[in-house]
Amino acid sequence: MERIVVYHNPDCSKSLATLALLEENETEYDVVHYLETPPDIDGLKELLGKLGLGIRDLLRRNEPEYDDLGLDDEALSEEIVYDLVCHHPILIQRPIVVKGDTAIVARPPEAVLALIGDDE
């Protein structure tokens, strides 16, 4: 079975609930504390490719940094947005769960069950 990787924020109830579901289902996983070790631009692009999302789709618009950095300005280039997100990882939706070439934003946390159920 492919190893599960969870991009985790320990202060997020959805992220904690996702880890609890993985534990309940006896699924082995690795945790990336993305606030401490944020992805670089290439890593973020790879992650978005697995998610099938664009960079703006991954943004947490309710974070103060979103407004502070002017991310609602559609004129900002994609590369600038990538750079801002890498330097302010709190803007990344969470939790992100990766299995091989597939990734999901586990909202609701139960969405992870379909991802781990692929091997059963």
PDB file of N, CA and C in Angstrom:
ATOM      1  N   MET A   1       0.843  -1.179   0.000  1.00  0.00           N
ATOM      2  CA  MET A   1       0.000   0.000   0.000  1.00  0.00           C
ATOM      3  C   MET A   1       0.888   1.241   0.000  1.00  0.00           C
ATOM      4  N   GLU A   2       0.462   2.250  -0.753  1.00  0.00           N
ATOM      5  CA  GLU A   2       1.224   3.495  -0.802  1.00  0.00           C
ATOM      6  C   GLU A   2       1.095   4.236   0.516  1.00  0.00           C
ATOM      7  N   ARG A   3       2.190   4.822   0.926  1.00  0.00           N
ATOM      8  CA  ARG A   3       2.232   5.561   2.189  1.00  0.00           C
ATOM      9  C   ARG A   3       1.405   6.836   2.081  1.00  0.00           C
ATOM     10  N   ILE A   4       0.666   7.135   3.122  1.00  0.00           N
ATOM     11  CA  ILE A   4      -0.143   8.345   3.219  1.00  0.00           C
ATOM     12  C   ILE A   4       0.720   9.447   3.830  1.00  0.00           C
ATOM     13  N   VAL A   5       0.615  10.648   3.284  1.00  0.00           N
ATOM     14  CA  VAL A   5       1.290  11.818   3.838  1.00  0.00           C
ATOM     15  C   VAL A   5       0.220  12.857   4.138  1.00  0.00           C
ATOM     16  N   VAL A   6       0.250  13.385   5.364  1.00  0.00           N
ATOM     17  CA  VAL A   6      -0.729  14.384   5.783  1.00  0.00           C
ATOM     18  C   VAL A   6      -0.010  15.697   6.048  1.00  0.00           C
ATOM     19  N   TYR A   7      -0.415  16.731   5.331  1.00  0.00           N
ATOM     20  CA  TYR A   7       0.064  18.091   5.597  1.00  0.00           C
ATOM     21  C   TYR A   7      -0.825  18.628   6.701  1.00  0.00           C
ATOM     22  N   HIS A   8      -0.245  18.772   7.878  1.00  0.00           N
ATOM     23  CA  HIS A   8      -0.994  18.901   9.123  1.00  0.00           C
ATOM     24  C   HIS A   8      -0.704  20.207   9.842  1.00  0.00           C
ATOM     25  N   ASN A   9      -1.771  20.770  10.401  1.00  0.00           N
ATOM     26  CA  ASN A   9      -1.665  21.913  11.312  1.00  0.00           C
ATOM     27  C   ASN A   9      -2.245  21.448  12.642  1.00  0.00           C
ATOM     28  N   PRO A  10      -1.431  21.317  13.685  1.00  0.00           N
ATOM     29  CA  PRO A  10      -1.921  20.788  14.961  1.00  0.00           C
ATOM     30  C   PRO A  10      -2.947  21.683  15.652  1.00  0.00           C
ATOM     31  N   ASP A  11      -3.119  22.908  15.177  1.00  0.00           N
ATOM     32  CA  ASP A  11      -4.127  23.799  15.753  1.00  0.00           C
ATOM     33  C   ASP A  11      -5.463  23.728  15.017  1.00  0.00           C
ATOM     34  N   CYS A  12      -5.559  22.884  14.011  1.00  0.00           N
ATOM     35  CA  CYS A  12      -6.764  22.785  13.180  1.00  0.00           C
ATOM     36  C   CYS A  12      -7.578  21.557  13.580  1.00  0.00           C
ATOM     37  N   SER A  13      -8.823  21.770  13.944  1.00  0.00           N
ATOM     38  CA  SER A  13      -9.675  20.653  14.372  1.00  0.00           C
ATOM     39  C   SER A  13      -9.904  19.655  13.241  1.00  0.00           C
ATOM     40  N   LYS A  14     -10.015  20.121  12.004  1.00  0.00           N
ATOM     41  CA  LYS A  14     -10.226  19.212  10.865  1.00  0.00           C
ATOM     42  C   LYS A  14      -8.982  18.356  10.629  1.00  0.00           C
ATOM     43  N   SER A  15      -7.837  18.948  10.809  1.00  0.00           N
ATOM     44  CA  SER A  15      -6.591  18.221  10.642  1.00  0.00           C
ATOM     45  C   SER A  15      -6.447  17.146  11.724  1.00  0.00           C
ATOM     46  N   LEU A  16      -6.754  17.516  12.948  1.00  0.00           N
ATOM     47  CA  LEU A  16      -6.705  16.553  14.055  1.00  0.00           C
ATOM     48  C   LEU A  16      -7.712  15.431  13.848  1.00  0.00           C
ATOM     49  N   ALA A  17      -8.902  15.765  13.367  1.00  0.00           N
ATOM     50  CA  ALA A  17      -9.930  14.747  13.125  1.00  0.00           C
ATOM     51  C   ALA A  17      -9.501  13.797  12.007  1.00  0.00           C
ATOM     52  N   THR A  18      -8.815  14.320  11.009  1.00  0.00           N
ATOM     53  CA  THR A  18      -8.323  13.474   9.920  1.00  0.00           C
ATOM     54  C   THR A  18      -7.297  12.472  10.436  1.00  0.00           C
ATOM     55  N   LEU A  19      -6.370  12.932  11.267  1.00  0.00           N
ATOM     56  CA  LEU A  19      -5.388  12.010  11.853  1.00  0.00           C
ATOM     57  C   LEU A  19      -6.078  10.957  12.707  1.00  0.00           C
ATOM     58  N   ALA A  20      -7.101  11.355  13.452  1.00  0.00           N
ATOM     59  CA  ALA A  20      -7.840  10.404  14.290  1.00  0.00           C
ATOM     60  C   ALA A  20      -8.506   9.332  13.429  1.00  0.00           C
ATOM     61  N   LEU A  21      -9.072   9.722  12.292  1.00  0.00           N
ATOM     62  CA  LEU A  21      -9.696   8.742  11.397  1.00  0.00           C
ATOM     63  C   LEU A  21      -8.665   7.775  10.826  1.00  0.00           C
ATOM     64  N   LEU A  22      -7.497   8.274  10.490  1.00  0.00           N
ATOM     65  CA  LEU A  22      -6.436   7.394   9.998  1.00  0.00           C
ATOM     66  C   LEU A  22      -6.023   6.402  11.081  1.00  0.00           C
ATOM     67  N   GLU A  23      -5.905   6.882  12.311  1.00  0.00           N
ATOM     68  CA  GLU A  23      -5.567   5.997  13.437  1.00  0.00           C
ATOM     69  C   GLU A  23      -6.650   4.935  13.635  1.00  0.00           C
ATOM     70  N   GLU A  24      -7.909   5.372  13.640  1.00  0.00           N
ATOM     71  CA  GLU A  24      -9.028   4.439  13.837  1.00  0.00           C
ATOM     72  C   GLU A  24      -9.037   3.349  12.776  1.00  0.00           C
ATOM     73  N   ASN A  25      -8.616   3.695  11.572  1.00  0.00           N
ATOM     74  CA  ASN A  25      -8.604   2.742  10.466  1.00  0.00           C
ATOM     75  C   ASN A  25      -7.259   2.036  10.323  1.00  0.00           C
ATOM     76  N   GLU A  26      -6.403   2.204  11.333  1.00  0.00           N
ATOM     77  CA  GLU A  26      -5.096   1.555  11.375  1.00  0.00           C
ATOM     78  C   GLU A  26      -4.293   1.797  10.097  1.00  0.00           C
ATOM     79  N   THR A  27      -4.338   3.030   9.631  1.00  0.00           N
ATOM     80  CA  THR A  27      -3.616   3.426   8.430  1.00  0.00           C
ATOM     81  C   THR A  27      -2.319   4.111   8.837  1.00  0.00           C
ATOM     82  N   GLU A  28      -1.219   3.615   8.305  1.00  0.00           N
ATOM     83  CA  GLU A  28       0.070   4.240   8.589  1.00  0.00           C
ATOM     84  C   GLU A  28       0.201   5.507   7.756  1.00  0.00           C
ATOM     85  N   TYR A  29       0.806   6.516   8.346  1.00  0.00           N
ATOM     86  CA  TYR A  29       0.941   7.790   7.645  1.00  0.00           C
ATOM     87  C   TYR A  29       2.146   8.548   8.168  1.00  0.00           C
ATOM     88  N   ASP A  30       2.595   9.477   7.350  1.00  0.00           N
ATOM     89  CA  ASP A  30       3.639  10.416   7.739  1.00  0.00           C
ATOM     90  C   ASP A  30       2.998  11.789   7.847  1.00  0.00           C
ATOM     91  N   VAL A  31       3.520  12.608   8.746  1.00  0.00           N
ATOM     92  CA  VAL A  31       2.987  13.948   8.955  1.00  0.00           C
ATOM     93  C   VAL A  31       4.018  14.981   8.520  1.00  0.00           C
ATOM     94  N   VAL A  32       3.552  15.966   7.769  1.00  0.00           N
ATOM     95  CA  VAL A  32       4.359  17.131   7.424  1.00  0.00           C
ATOM     96  C   VAL A  32       3.738  18.315   8.150  1.00  0.00           C
ATOM     97  N   HIS A  33       4.482  18.877   9.074  1.00  0.00           N
ATOM     98  CA  HIS A  33       4.024  20.086   9.776  1.00  0.00           C
ATOM     99  C   HIS A  33       4.366  21.269   8.870  1.00  0.00           C
ATOM    100  N   TYR A  34       3.450  21.552   7.946  1.00  0.00           N
ATOM    101  CA  TYR A  34       3.761  22.487   6.870  1.00  0.00           C
ATOM    102  C   TYR A  34       3.945  23.928   7.339  1.00  0.00           C
ATOM    103  N   LEU A  35       3.492  24.265   8.542  1.00  0.00           N
ATOM    104  CA  LEU A  35       3.757  25.613   9.046  1.00  0.00           C
ATOM    105  C   LEU A  35       5.214  25.749   9.472  1.00  0.00           C
ATOM    106  N   GLU A  36       5.806  24.636   9.928  1.00  0.00           N
ATOM    107  CA  GLU A  36       7.215  24.627  10.334  1.00  0.00           C
ATOM    108  C   GLU A  36       8.145  24.376   9.151  1.00  0.00           C
ATOM    109  N   THR A  37       7.708  23.518   8.237  1.00  0.00           N
ATOM    110  CA  THR A  37       8.505  23.180   7.053  1.00  0.00           C
ATOM    111  C   THR A  37       7.628  23.352   5.816  1.00  0.00           C
ATOM    112  N   PRO A  38       7.418  24.599   5.406  1.00  0.00           N
ATOM    113  CA  PRO A  38       6.540  24.840   4.257  1.00  0.00           C
ATOM    114  C   PRO A  38       7.152  24.323   2.961  1.00  0.00           C
ATOM    115  N   PRO A  39       6.292  23.955   2.021  1.00  0.00           N
ATOM    116  CA  PRO A  39       6.816  23.510   0.728  1.00  0.00           C
ATOM    117  C   PRO A  39       7.447  24.680  -0.018  1.00  0.00           C
ATOM    118  N   ASP A  40       8.427  24.352  -0.868  1.00  0.00           N
ATOM    119  CA  ASP A  40       8.952  25.384  -1.753  1.00  0.00           C
ATOM    120  C   ASP A  40       8.013  25.483  -2.958  1.00  0.00           C
ATOM    121  N   ILE A  41       8.321  26.369  -3.874  1.00  0.00           N
ATOM    122  CA  ILE A  41       7.412  26.586  -5.007  1.00  0.00           C
ATOM    123  C   ILE A  41       7.239  25.312  -5.826  1.00  0.00           C
ATOM    124  N   ASP A  42       8.330  24.590  -6.098  1.00  0.00           N
ATOM    125  CA  ASP A  42       8.218  23.348  -6.868  1.00  0.00           C
ATOM    126  C   ASP A  42       7.378  22.312  -6.128  1.00  0.00           C
ATOM    127  N   GLY A  43       7.585  22.203  -4.816  1.00  0.00           N
ATOM    128  CA  GLY A  43       6.800  21.267  -4.018  1.00  0.00           C
ATOM    129  C   GLY A  43       5.331  21.631  -4.000  1.00  0.00           C
ATOM    130  N   LEU A  44       5.059  22.917  -3.930  1.00  0.00           N
ATOM    131  CA  LEU A  44       3.676  23.388  -3.937  1.00  0.00           C
ATOM    132  C   LEU A  44       3.017  23.101  -5.283  1.00  0.00           C
ATOM    133  N   LYS A  45       3.750  23.305  -6.364  1.00  0.00           N
ATOM    134  CA  LYS A  45       3.213  23.011  -7.697  1.00  0.00           C
ATOM    135  C   LYS A  45       2.934  21.518  -7.855  1.00  0.00           C
ATOM    136  N   GLU A  46       3.830  20.695  -7.339  1.00  0.00           N
ATOM    137  CA  GLU A  46       3.627  19.245  -7.406  1.00  0.00           C
ATOM    138  C   GLU A  46       2.383  18.847  -6.612  1.00  0.00           C
ATOM    139  N   LEU A  47       2.243  19.415  -5.434  1.00  0.00           N
ATOM    140  CA  LEU A  47       1.084  19.134  -4.590  1.00  0.00           C
ATOM    141  C   LEU A  47      -0.206  19.556  -5.283  1.00  0.00           C
ATOM    142  N   LEU A  48      -0.210  20.732  -5.875  1.00  0.00           N
ATOM    143  CA  LEU A  48      -1.398  21.215  -6.582  1.00  0.00           C
ATOM    144  C   LEU A  48      -1.727  20.339  -7.784  1.00  0.00           C
ATOM    145  N   GLY A  49      -0.705  19.813  -8.454  1.00  0.00           N
ATOM    146  CA  GLY A  49      -0.944  18.886  -9.555  1.00  0.00           C
ATOM    147  C   GLY A  49      -1.667  17.637  -9.081  1.00  0.00           C
ATOM    148  N   LYS A  50      -1.277  17.131  -7.928  1.00  0.00           N
ATOM    149  CA  LYS A  50      -1.934  15.947  -7.362  1.00  0.00           C
ATOM    150  C   LYS A  50      -3.351  16.262  -6.909  1.00  0.00           C
ATOM    151  N   LEU A  51      -3.556  17.496  -6.457  1.00  0.00           N
ATOM    152  CA  LEU A  51      -4.890  17.923  -6.032  1.00  0.00           C
ATOM    153  C   LEU A  51      -5.791  18.256  -7.217  1.00  0.00           C
ATOM    154  N   GLY A  52      -5.186  18.589  -8.350  1.00  0.00           N
ATOM    155  CA  GLY A  52      -5.963  19.032  -9.498  1.00  0.00           C
ATOM    156  C   GLY A  52      -6.538  20.423  -9.292  1.00  0.00           C
ATOM    157  N   LEU A  53      -5.804  21.256  -8.544  1.00  0.00           N
ATOM    158  CA  LEU A  53      -6.262  22.605  -8.224  1.00  0.00           C
ATOM    159  C   LEU A  53      -5.246  23.638  -8.676  1.00  0.00           C
ATOM    160  N   GLY A  54      -5.714  24.868  -8.823  1.00  0.00           N
ATOM    161  CA  GLY A  54      -4.829  25.998  -9.049  1.00  0.00           C
ATOM    162  C   GLY A  54      -4.447  26.602  -7.711  1.00  0.00           C
ATOM    163  N   ILE A  55      -3.421  27.434  -7.713  1.00  0.00           N
ATOM    164  CA  ILE A  55      -2.920  28.007  -6.464  1.00  0.00           C
ATOM    165  C   ILE A  55      -3.994  28.806  -5.733  1.00  0.00           C
ATOM    166  N   ARG A  56      -4.797  29.552  -6.443  1.00  0.00           N
ATOM    167  CA  ARG A  56      -5.821  30.363  -5.771  1.00  0.00           C
ATOM    168  C   ARG A  56      -6.923  29.502  -5.154  1.00  0.00           C
ATOM    169  N   ASP A  57      -7.118  28.290  -5.689  1.00  0.00           N
ATOM    170  CA  ASP A  57      -8.119  27.374  -5.128  1.00  0.00           C
ATOM    171  C   ASP A  57      -7.712  26.862  -3.754  1.00  0.00           C
ATOM    172  N   LEU A  58      -6.436  26.927  -3.451  1.00  0.00           N
ATOM    173  CA  LEU A  58      -5.903  26.378  -2.205  1.00  0.00           C
ATOM    174  C   LEU A  58      -5.843  27.407  -1.080  1.00  0.00           C
ATOM    175  N   LEU A  59      -6.165  28.650  -1.388  1.00  0.00           N
ATOM    176  CA  LEU A  59      -6.010  29.721  -0.403  1.00  0.00           C
ATOM    177  C   LEU A  59      -7.120  29.737   0.640  1.00  0.00           C
ATOM    178  N   ARG A  60      -6.708  30.008   1.872  1.00  0.00           N
ATOM    179  CA  ARG A  60      -7.647  30.238   2.974  1.00  0.00           C
ATOM    180  C   ARG A  60      -7.931  31.742   3.003  1.00  0.00           C
ATOM    181  N   ARG A  61      -9.060  32.101   2.448  1.00  0.00           N
ATOM    182  CA  ARG A  61      -9.399  33.513   2.296  1.00  0.00           C
ATOM    183  C   ARG A  61      -9.760  34.197   3.607  1.00  0.00           C
ATOM    184  N   ASN A  62     -10.027  33.426   4.639  1.00  0.00           N
ATOM    185  CA  ASN A  62     -10.409  34.017   5.932  1.00  0.00           C
ATOM    186  C   ASN A  62      -9.212  34.332   6.828  1.00  0.00           C
ATOM    187  N   GLU A  63      -8.008  34.016   6.376  1.00  0.00           N
ATOM    188  CA  GLU A  63      -6.817  34.334   7.162  1.00  0.00           C
ATOM    189  C   GLU A  63      -6.478  35.816   6.997  1.00  0.00           C
ATOM    190  N   PRO A  64      -6.071  36.495   8.077  1.00  0.00           N
ATOM    191  CA  PRO A  64      -5.706  37.921   7.966  1.00  0.00           C
ATOM    192  C   PRO A  64      -4.639  38.180   6.901  1.00  0.00           C
ATOM    193  N   GLU A  65      -3.722  37.237   6.725  1.00  0.00           N
ATOM    194  CA  GLU A  65      -2.656  37.403   5.736  1.00  0.00           C
ATOM    195  C   GLU A  65      -3.208  37.534   4.318  1.00  0.00           C
ATOM    196  N   TYR A  66      -4.339  36.899   4.059  1.00  0.00           N
ATOM    197  CA  TYR A  66      -4.941  36.968   2.725  1.00  0.00           C
ATOM    198  C   TYR A  66      -5.208  38.426   2.347  1.00  0.00           C
ATOM    199  N   ASP A  67      -5.846  39.151   3.258  1.00  0.00           N
ATOM    200  CA  ASP A  67      -6.126  40.570   3.009  1.00  0.00           C
ATOM    201  C   ASP A  67      -4.859  41.411   3.118  1.00  0.00           C
ATOM    202  N   ASP A  68      -4.047  41.129   4.133  1.00  0.00           N
ATOM    203  CA  ASP A  68      -2.827  41.916   4.351  1.00  0.00           C
ATOM    204  C   ASP A  68      -1.907  41.891   3.131  1.00  0.00           C
ATOM    205  N   LEU A  69      -1.858  40.752   2.449  1.00  0.00           N
ATOM    206  CA  LEU A  69      -0.967  40.591   1.299  1.00  0.00           C
ATOM    207  C   LEU A  69      -1.636  40.962  -0.025  1.00  0.00           C
ATOM    208  N   GLY A  70      -2.902  41.351   0.035  1.00  0.00           N
ATOM    209  CA  GLY A  70      -3.613  41.757  -1.178  1.00  0.00           C
ATOM    210  C   GLY A  70      -3.891  40.625  -2.140  1.00  0.00           C
ATOM    211  N   LEU A  71      -4.098  39.420  -1.609  1.00  0.00           N
ATOM    212  CA  LEU A  71      -4.292  38.264  -2.479  1.00  0.00           C
ATOM    213  C   LEU A  71      -5.625  38.259  -3.217  1.00  0.00           C
ATOM    214  N   ASP A  72      -6.515  39.159  -2.858  1.00  0.00           N
ATOM    215  CA  ASP A  72      -7.768  39.255  -3.609  1.00  0.00           C
ATOM    216  C   ASP A  72      -7.574  40.019  -4.922  1.00  0.00           C
ATOM    217  N   ASP A  73      -6.383  40.548  -5.145  1.00  0.00           N
ATOM    218  CA  ASP A  73      -6.060  41.273  -6.372  1.00  0.00           C
ATOM    219  C   ASP A  73      -5.771  40.261  -7.484  1.00  0.00           C
ATOM    220  N   GLU A  74      -6.703  40.137  -8.417  1.00  0.00           N
ATOM    221  CA  GLU A  74      -6.549  39.171  -9.513  1.00  0.00           C
ATOM    222  C   GLU A  74      -5.386  39.526 -10.435  1.00  0.00           C
ATOM    223  N   ALA A  75      -4.885  40.766 -10.332  1.00  0.00           N
ATOM    224  CA  ALA A  75      -3.762  41.180 -11.177  1.00  0.00           C
ATOM    225  C   ALA A  75      -2.432  40.586 -10.706  1.00  0.00           C
ATOM    226  N   LEU A  76      -2.390  40.060  -9.484  1.00  0.00           N
ATOM    227  CA  LEU A  76      -1.158  39.422  -9.001  1.00  0.00           C
ATOM    228  C   LEU A  76      -0.860  38.208  -9.863  1.00  0.00           C
ATOM    229  N   SER A  77       0.371  38.100 -10.303  1.00  0.00           N
ATOM    230  CA  SER A  77       0.739  36.944 -11.128  1.00  0.00           C
ATOM    231  C   SER A  77       0.711  35.673 -10.284  1.00  0.00           C
ATOM    232  N   GLU A  78       0.561  34.562 -10.976  1.00  0.00           N
ATOM    233  CA  GLU A  78       0.552  33.264 -10.300  1.00  0.00           C
ATOM    234  C   GLU A  78       1.866  33.038  -9.553  1.00  0.00           C
ATOM    235  N   GLU A  79       2.981  33.444 -10.153  1.00  0.00           N
ATOM    236  CA  GLU A  79       4.284  33.251  -9.510  1.00  0.00           C
ATOM    237  C   GLU A  79       4.390  34.054  -8.214  1.00  0.00           C
ATOM    238  N   ILE A  80       3.838  35.253  -8.197  1.00  0.00           N
ATOM    239  CA  ILE A  80       3.836  36.050  -6.966  1.00  0.00           C
ATOM    240  C   ILE A  80       2.985  35.368  -5.908  1.00  0.00           C
ATOM    241  N   VAL A  81       1.837  34.845  -6.312  1.00  0.00           N
ATOM    242  CA  VAL A  81       0.964  34.155  -5.355  1.00  0.00           C
ATOM    243  C   VAL A  81       1.677  32.929  -4.792  1.00  0.00           C
ATOM    244  N   TYR A  82       2.344  32.152  -5.651  1.00  0.00           N
ATOM    245  CA  TYR A  82       3.115  31.000  -5.166  1.00  0.00           C
ATOM    246  C   TYR A  82       4.145  31.439  -4.131  1.00  0.00           C
ATOM    247  N   ASP A  83       4.869  32.484  -4.435  1.00  0.00           N
ATOM    248  CA  ASP A  83       5.905  32.974  -3.533  1.00  0.00           C
ATOM    249  C   ASP A  83       5.304  33.397  -2.191  1.00  0.00           C
ATOM    250  N   LEU A  84       4.199  34.117  -2.235  1.00  0.00           N
ATOM    251  CA  LEU A  84       3.553  34.563  -0.996  1.00  0.00           C
ATOM    252  C   LEU A  84       3.069  33.379  -0.162  1.00  0.00           C
ATOM    253  N   VAL A  85       2.495  32.390  -0.822  1.00  0.00           N
ATOM    254  CA  VAL A  85       1.991  31.220  -0.094  1.00  0.00           C
ATOM    255  C   VAL A  85       3.145  30.444   0.539  1.00  0.00           C
ATOM    256  N   CYS A  86       4.253  30.310  -0.168  1.00  0.00           N
ATOM    257  CA  CYS A  86       5.406  29.602   0.399  1.00  0.00           C
ATOM    258  C   CYS A  86       5.966  30.326   1.619  1.00  0.00           C
ATOM    259  N   HIS A  87       5.887  31.639   1.629  1.00  0.00           N
ATOM    260  CA  HIS A  87       6.375  32.419   2.764  1.00  0.00           C
ATOM    261  C   HIS A  87       5.327  32.606   3.861  1.00  0.00           C
ATOM    262  N   HIS A  88       4.078  32.300   3.554  1.00  0.00           N
ATOM    263  CA  HIS A  88       2.974  32.422   4.519  1.00  0.00           C
ATOM    264  C   HIS A  88       2.115  31.163   4.423  1.00  0.00           C
ATOM    265  N   PRO A  89       2.646  30.010   4.854  1.00  0.00           N
ATOM    266  CA  PRO A  89       1.943  28.738   4.660  1.00  0.00           C
ATOM    267  C   PRO A  89       0.610  28.640   5.404  1.00  0.00           C
ATOM    268  N   ILE A  90       0.337  29.552   6.333  1.00  0.00           N
ATOM    269  CA  ILE A  90      -0.961  29.555   7.007  1.00  0.00           C
ATOM    270  C   ILE A  90      -2.090  29.724   5.991  1.00  0.00           C
ATOM    271  N   LEU A  91      -1.757  30.227   4.801  1.00  0.00           N
ATOM    272  CA  LEU A  91      -2.748  30.454   3.751  1.00  0.00           C
ATOM    273  C   LEU A  91      -3.197  29.171   3.057  1.00  0.00           C
ATOM    274  N   ILE A  92      -2.509  28.060   3.313  1.00  0.00           N
ATOM    275  CA  ILE A  92      -2.812  26.797   2.637  1.00  0.00           C
ATOM    276  C   ILE A  92      -3.985  26.101   3.331  1.00  0.00           C
ATOM    277  N   GLN A  93      -4.980  25.685   2.513  1.00  0.00           N
ATOM    278  CA  GLN A  93      -6.086  24.888   3.044  1.00  0.00           C
ATOM    279  C   GLN A  93      -5.520  23.616   3.669  1.00  0.00           C
ATOM    280  N   ARG A  94      -6.179  23.143   4.697  1.00  0.00           N
ATOM    281  CA  ARG A  94      -5.713  21.928   5.366  1.00  0.00           C
ATOM    282  C   ARG A  94      -6.883  21.152   5.920  1.00  0.00           C
ATOM    283  N   PRO A  95      -6.618  19.898   6.208  1.00  0.00           N
ATOM    284  CA  PRO A  95      -5.405  19.127   5.938  1.00  0.00           C
ATOM    285  C   PRO A  95      -5.377  18.655   4.486  1.00  0.00           C
ATOM    286  N   ILE A  96      -4.194  18.501   3.972  1.00  0.00           N
ATOM    287  CA  ILE A  96      -4.019  17.899   2.654  1.00  0.00           C
ATOM    288  C   ILE A  96      -3.482  16.498   2.892  1.00  0.00           C
ATOM    289  N   VAL A  97      -4.115  15.528   2.247  1.00  0.00           N
ATOM    290  CA  VAL A  97      -3.710  14.133   2.398  1.00  0.00           C
ATOM    291  C   VAL A  97      -3.288  13.625   1.021  1.00  0.00           C
ATOM    292  N   VAL A  98      -2.093  13.058   0.965  1.00  0.00           N
ATOM    293  CA  VAL A  98      -1.523  12.584  -0.293  1.00  0.00           C
ATOM    294  C   VAL A  98      -1.339  11.075  -0.224  1.00  0.00           C
ATOM    295  N   LYS A  99      -1.721  10.430  -1.323  1.00  0.00           N
ATOM    296  CA  LYS A  99      -1.480   8.996  -1.488  1.00  0.00           C
ATOM    297  C   LYS A  99      -1.024   8.795  -2.928  1.00  0.00           C
ATOM    298  N   GLY A 100       0.255   8.543  -3.092  1.00  0.00           N
ATOM    299  CA  GLY A 100       0.798   8.380  -4.443  1.00  0.00           C
ATOM    300  C   GLY A 100       0.656   9.654  -5.252  1.00  0.00           C
ATOM    301  N   ASP A 101      -0.017   9.530  -6.395  1.00  0.00           N
ATOM    302  CA  ASP A 101      -0.212  10.679  -7.282  1.00  0.00           C
ATOM    303  C   ASP A 101      -1.535  11.390  -7.048  1.00  0.00           C
ATOM    304  N   THR A 102      -2.230  11.033  -5.981  1.00  0.00           N
ATOM    305  CA  THR A 102      -3.532  11.621  -5.675  1.00  0.00           C
ATOM    306  C   THR A 102      -3.463  12.355  -4.350  1.00  0.00           C
ATOM    307  N   ALA A 103      -4.129  13.490  -4.294  1.00  0.00           N
ATOM    308  CA  ALA A 103      -4.205  14.251  -3.043  1.00  0.00           C
ATOM    309  C   ALA A 103      -5.599  14.842  -2.913  1.00  0.00           C
ATOM    310  N   ILE A 104      -6.009  15.054  -1.660  1.00  0.00           N
ATOM    311  CA  ILE A 104      -7.291  15.694  -1.376  1.00  0.00           C
ATOM    312  C   ILE A 104      -7.103  16.699  -0.247  1.00  0.00           C
ATOM    313  N   VAL A 105      -7.975  17.688  -0.219  1.00  0.00           N
ATOM    314  CA  VAL A 105      -8.128  18.514   0.969  1.00  0.00           C
ATOM    315  C   VAL A 105      -9.217  17.808   1.766  1.00  0.00           C
ATOM    316  N   ALA A 106      -8.866  17.290   2.925  1.00  0.00           N
ATOM    317  CA  ALA A 106      -9.786  16.447   3.708  1.00  0.00           C
ATOM    318  C   ALA A 106     -10.780  17.307   4.492  1.00  0.00           C
ATOM    319  N   ARG A 107     -11.681  17.914   3.769  1.00  0.00           N
ATOM    320  CA  ARG A 107     -12.778  18.696   4.347  1.00  0.00           C
ATOM    321  C   ARG A 107     -14.042  18.215   3.679  1.00  0.00           C
ATOM    322  N   PRO A 108     -14.859  17.503   4.385  1.00  0.00           N
ATOM    323  CA  PRO A 108     -14.749  17.139   5.791  1.00  0.00           C
ATOM    324  C   PRO A 108     -13.684  16.055   5.979  1.00  0.00           C
ATOM    325  N   PRO A 109     -13.256  15.845   7.216  1.00  0.00           N
ATOM    326  CA  PRO A 109     -12.221  14.838   7.471  1.00  0.00           C
ATOM    327  C   PRO A 109     -12.576  13.456   6.931  1.00  0.00           C
ATOM    328  N   GLU A 110     -13.856  13.131   6.898  1.00  0.00           N
ATOM    329  CA  GLU A 110     -14.287  11.813   6.414  1.00  0.00           C
ATOM    330  C   GLU A 110     -13.922  11.576   4.951  1.00  0.00           C
ATOM    331  N   ALA A 111     -13.582  12.628   4.227  1.00  0.00           N
ATOM    332  CA  ALA A 111     -13.166  12.473   2.829  1.00  0.00           C
ATOM    333  C   ALA A 111     -11.934  11.584   2.713  1.00  0.00           C
ATOM    334  N   VAL A 112     -11.146  11.524   3.776  1.00  0.00           N
ATOM    335  CA  VAL A 112      -9.941  10.692   3.754  1.00  0.00           C
ATOM    336  C   VAL A 112     -10.295   9.206   3.645  1.00  0.00           C
ATOM    337  N   LEU A 113     -11.473   8.827   4.077  1.00  0.00           N
ATOM    338  CA  LEU A 113     -11.860   7.413   4.048  1.00  0.00           C
ATOM    339  C   LEU A 113     -11.923   6.880   2.618  1.00  0.00           C
ATOM    340  N   ALA A 114     -12.401   7.684   1.679  1.00  0.00           N
ATOM    341  CA  ALA A 114     -12.437   7.256   0.280  1.00  0.00           C
ATOM    342  C   ALA A 114     -11.023   7.085  -0.266  1.00  0.00           C
ATOM    343  N   LEU A 115     -10.125   7.965   0.134  1.00  0.00           N
ATOM    344  CA  LEU A 115      -8.744   7.884  -0.334  1.00  0.00           C
ATOM    345  C   LEU A 115      -8.059   6.627   0.190  1.00  0.00           C
ATOM    346  N   ILE A 116      -8.232   6.328   1.464  1.00  0.00           N
ATOM    347  CA  ILE A 116      -7.567   5.139   2.020  1.00  0.00           C
ATOM    348  C   ILE A 116      -8.312   3.867   1.651  1.00  0.00           C
ATOM    349  N   GLY A 117      -9.573   3.981   1.282  1.00  0.00           N
ATOM    350  CA  GLY A 117     -10.367   2.818   0.910  1.00  0.00           C
ATOM    351  C   GLY A 117     -10.025   2.261  -0.447  1.00  0.00           C
ATOM    352  N   ASP A 118      -9.217   2.978  -1.234  1.00  0.00           N
ATOM    353  CA  ASP A 118      -8.849   2.525  -2.573  1.00  0.00           C
ATOM    354  C   ASP A 118      -8.111   1.196  -2.556  1.00  0.00           C
ATOM    355  N   ASP A 119      -7.431   0.878  -1.457  1.00  0.00           N
ATOM    356  CA  ASP A 119      -6.636  -0.351  -1.381  1.00  0.00           C
ATOM    357  C   ASP A 119      -7.408  -1.526  -0.818  1.00  0.00           C
ATOM    358  N   GLU A 120      -8.581  -1.271  -0.306  1.00  0.00           N
ATOM    359  CA  GLU A 120      -9.311  -2.348   0.364  1.00  0.00           C
ATOM    360  C   GLU A 120     -10.146  -3.147  -0.606  1.00  0.00           C
TER     361      GLU A 120
END
